[in-house]
Amino acid sequence: MTRPILITSFATAFFCACFAGAVDYVTDQLAMWHVMAFGAVSGFCGSFFGQKVTGR
């Protein structure tokens, strides 16, 4: 039971780290609410990606 949780967590962390790098590249020109919206999208997509990787 712990293994799927860890795989999902690591997949989400990897996705969010890559997404954060992309956001960092463009955030100099963005307002704070844009950065917060990107964070929400990152969390959603990271979770979705992790669940797809584990097949849940």
Protein backbone atom coordinates (compact mmCIF):
# COMPACT_ATOMS: atom_id res chain seq x y z
CA MET A 1 0.00 0.00 0.00
CA THR A 2 2.85 2.40 0.73
CA ARG A 3 4.60 1.81 -2.60
CA PRO A 4 1.86 3.33 -4.85
CA ILE A 5 1.64 6.35 -2.55
CA LEU A 6 5.39 6.91 -2.76
CA ILE A 7 5.45 6.48 -6.55
CA THR A 8 2.61 8.98 -6.94
CA SER A 9 4.34 11.41 -4.58
CA PHE A 10 7.66 11.22 -6.41
CA ALA A 11 5.98 11.55 -9.82
CA THR A 12 4.08 14.60 -8.60
CA ALA A 13 7.24 16.11 -7.12
CA PHE A 14 9.13 15.56 -10.38
CA PHE A 15 6.36 17.12 -12.46
CA CYS A 16 6.04 20.11 -10.13
CA ALA A 17 9.81 20.65 -10.09
CA CYS A 18 9.89 20.76 -13.89
CA PHE A 19 6.85 23.03 -13.96
CA ALA A 20 8.45 25.34 -11.37
CA GLY A 21 11.50 25.67 -13.60
CA ALA A 22 9.28 26.74 -16.48
CA VAL A 23 7.36 29.19 -14.28
CA ASP A 24 10.61 30.63 -12.92
CA TYR A 25 11.64 31.36 -16.47
CA VAL A 26 8.61 33.61 -17.08
CA THR A 27 7.70 34.92 -13.60
CA ASP A 28 9.71 38.11 -13.84
CA GLN A 29 6.91 39.48 -16.00
CA LEU A 30 3.95 38.07 -14.05
CA ALA A 31 1.84 39.40 -11.20
CA MET A 32 1.52 37.40 -7.97
CA TRP A 33 -1.95 36.07 -8.85
CA HIS A 34 -0.52 34.65 -12.08
CA VAL A 35 2.14 32.80 -10.10
CA MET A 36 -0.54 31.49 -7.71
CA ALA A 37 -2.62 30.31 -10.68
CA PHE A 38 0.42 28.53 -12.12
CA GLY A 39 0.95 26.88 -8.73
CA ALA A 40 -2.62 25.61 -8.69
CA VAL A 41 -2.30 24.28 -12.23
CA SER A 42 1.00 22.64 -11.30
CA GLY A 43 -0.55 20.87 -8.30
CA PHE A 44 -3.52 19.68 -10.31
CA CYS A 45 -1.46 18.48 -13.27
CA GLY A 46 1.16 16.92 -11.01
CA SER A 47 -1.46 14.93 -9.15
CA PHE A 48 -3.12 13.89 -12.41
CA PHE A 49 0.24 12.84 -13.85
CA GLY A 50 1.11 10.83 -10.75
CA GLN A 51 -2.20 9.00 -10.80
CA LYS A 52 -1.83 8.22 -14.52
CA VAL A 53 1.69 6.86 -13.95
CA THR A 54 0.46 4.52 -11.21
CA GLY A 55 -2.71 3.60 -13.09
CA ARG A 56 -5.13 4.79 -10.42
